[in-house]
């Protein structure tokens, strides 16, 4: 179903559904995702988890949908925009 080259991991969610978590390096452009933005409403940080934070490697929920405080619209965790400001 998934190739090792893509480096994605399936995890089981709280409701029994499968969540797709993607690893990103927050030190470069792959880390400029909505899931890591402070304007993306996720106060508990449930859509992100550290893998190796000292190296800048984090995982984010690719399918999580939250509202953006800047534009008022809902975005998925993998979205990007010019108003990105890191929360990690």
Protein backbone atom coordinates (compact mmCIF):
# COMPACT_ATOMS: atom_id res chain seq x y z
CA UNK A 1 0.00 0.00 0.00
CA UNK A 2 2.74 2.51 0.95
CA UNK A 3 6.36 2.45 -0.12
CA UNK A 4 9.24 2.79 2.32
CA UNK A 5 10.49 5.67 0.19
CA UNK A 6 7.51 7.81 1.19
CA UNK A 7 8.20 7.10 4.91
CA UNK A 8 4.65 7.27 6.22
CA UNK A 9 3.30 5.42 9.21
CA UNK A 10 -0.21 4.29 9.99
CA UNK A 11 -1.28 4.64 13.61
CA UNK A 12 -4.54 3.74 15.29
CA UNK A 13 -6.60 6.74 16.48
CA UNK A 14 -8.65 7.04 19.67
CA UNK A 15 -11.90 6.20 17.88
CA UNK A 16 -10.42 3.12 16.20
CA UNK A 17 -9.90 4.89 12.87
CA UNK A 18 -6.54 4.87 11.12
CA UNK A 19 -4.61 8.12 11.05
CA UNK A 20 -1.88 8.90 8.56
CA UNK A 21 1.17 10.43 10.21
CA UNK A 22 3.93 11.95 8.09
CA UNK A 23 7.46 12.77 9.24
CA UNK A 24 8.77 16.24 8.48
CA UNK A 25 11.98 18.16 9.16
CA UNK A 26 10.88 21.47 10.69
CA UNK A 27 14.29 23.01 9.98
CA UNK A 28 13.60 23.17 6.23
CA UNK A 29 10.65 23.82 3.92
CA UNK A 30 8.99 20.43 4.58
CA UNK A 31 8.24 21.69 8.10
CA UNK A 32 6.24 24.70 6.89
CA UNK A 33 2.93 22.86 7.23
CA UNK A 34 -0.31 24.04 8.83
CA UNK A 35 0.11 21.40 11.56
CA UNK A 36 3.22 23.25 12.81
CA UNK A 37 1.76 26.77 12.47
CA UNK A 38 0.67 28.72 15.56
CA UNK A 39 -2.36 30.09 13.68
CA UNK A 40 -3.74 26.58 13.03
CA UNK A 41 -6.14 25.92 15.94
CA UNK A 42 -4.77 22.88 17.77
CA UNK A 43 -4.35 23.96 21.42
CA UNK A 44 -3.62 20.47 22.75
CA UNK A 45 -1.04 19.72 20.03
CA UNK A 46 -2.82 16.45 19.22
CA UNK A 47 -1.91 16.63 15.52
CA UNK A 48 1.87 16.73 16.08
CA UNK A 49 4.35 14.53 17.93
CA UNK A 50 8.13 14.70 18.28
CA UNK A 51 10.27 11.98 16.72
CA UNK A 52 13.74 13.46 17.31
CA UNK A 53 13.15 17.08 18.29
CA UNK A 54 16.86 17.81 18.73
CA UNK A 55 17.29 17.01 15.00
CA UNK A 56 14.08 18.82 14.04
CA UNK A 57 12.15 15.66 13.11
CA UNK A 58 8.45 15.71 13.98
CA UNK A 59 5.36 13.80 12.84
CA UNK A 60 2.05 15.41 11.97
CA UNK A 61 -1.43 14.07 11.24
CA UNK A 62 -1.85 14.48 7.50
CA UNK A 63 -5.65 14.26 7.66
CA UNK A 64 -6.40 16.48 10.68
CA UNK A 65 -8.60 19.47 9.84
CA UNK A 66 -8.54 22.63 11.96
CA UNK A 67 -9.52 26.27 11.54
CA UNK A 68 -6.85 28.89 10.74
CA UNK A 69 -6.92 32.05 12.86
CA UNK A 70 -5.54 34.16 9.99
CA UNK A 71 -8.05 33.41 7.24
CA UNK A 72 -10.88 31.75 9.22
CA UNK A 73 -11.01 28.72 6.91
CA UNK A 74 -10.47 25.05 7.69
CA UNK A 75 -7.21 23.50 6.47
CA UNK A 76 -5.72 20.01 6.57
CA UNK A 77 -2.47 19.42 8.44
CA UNK A 78 -0.42 19.20 5.24
CA UNK A 79 -1.51 22.65 3.99
CA UNK A 80 0.87 25.59 3.58
CA UNK A 81 0.59 29.37 3.26
CA UNK A 82 2.68 32.56 3.32
CA UNK A 83 1.53 33.49 6.83
CA UNK A 84 3.26 30.50 8.45
CA UNK A 85 4.72 31.03 11.95
CA UNK A 86 6.19 28.03 13.74
CA UNK A 87 4.74 26.89 17.08
CA UNK A 88 7.46 24.32 17.81
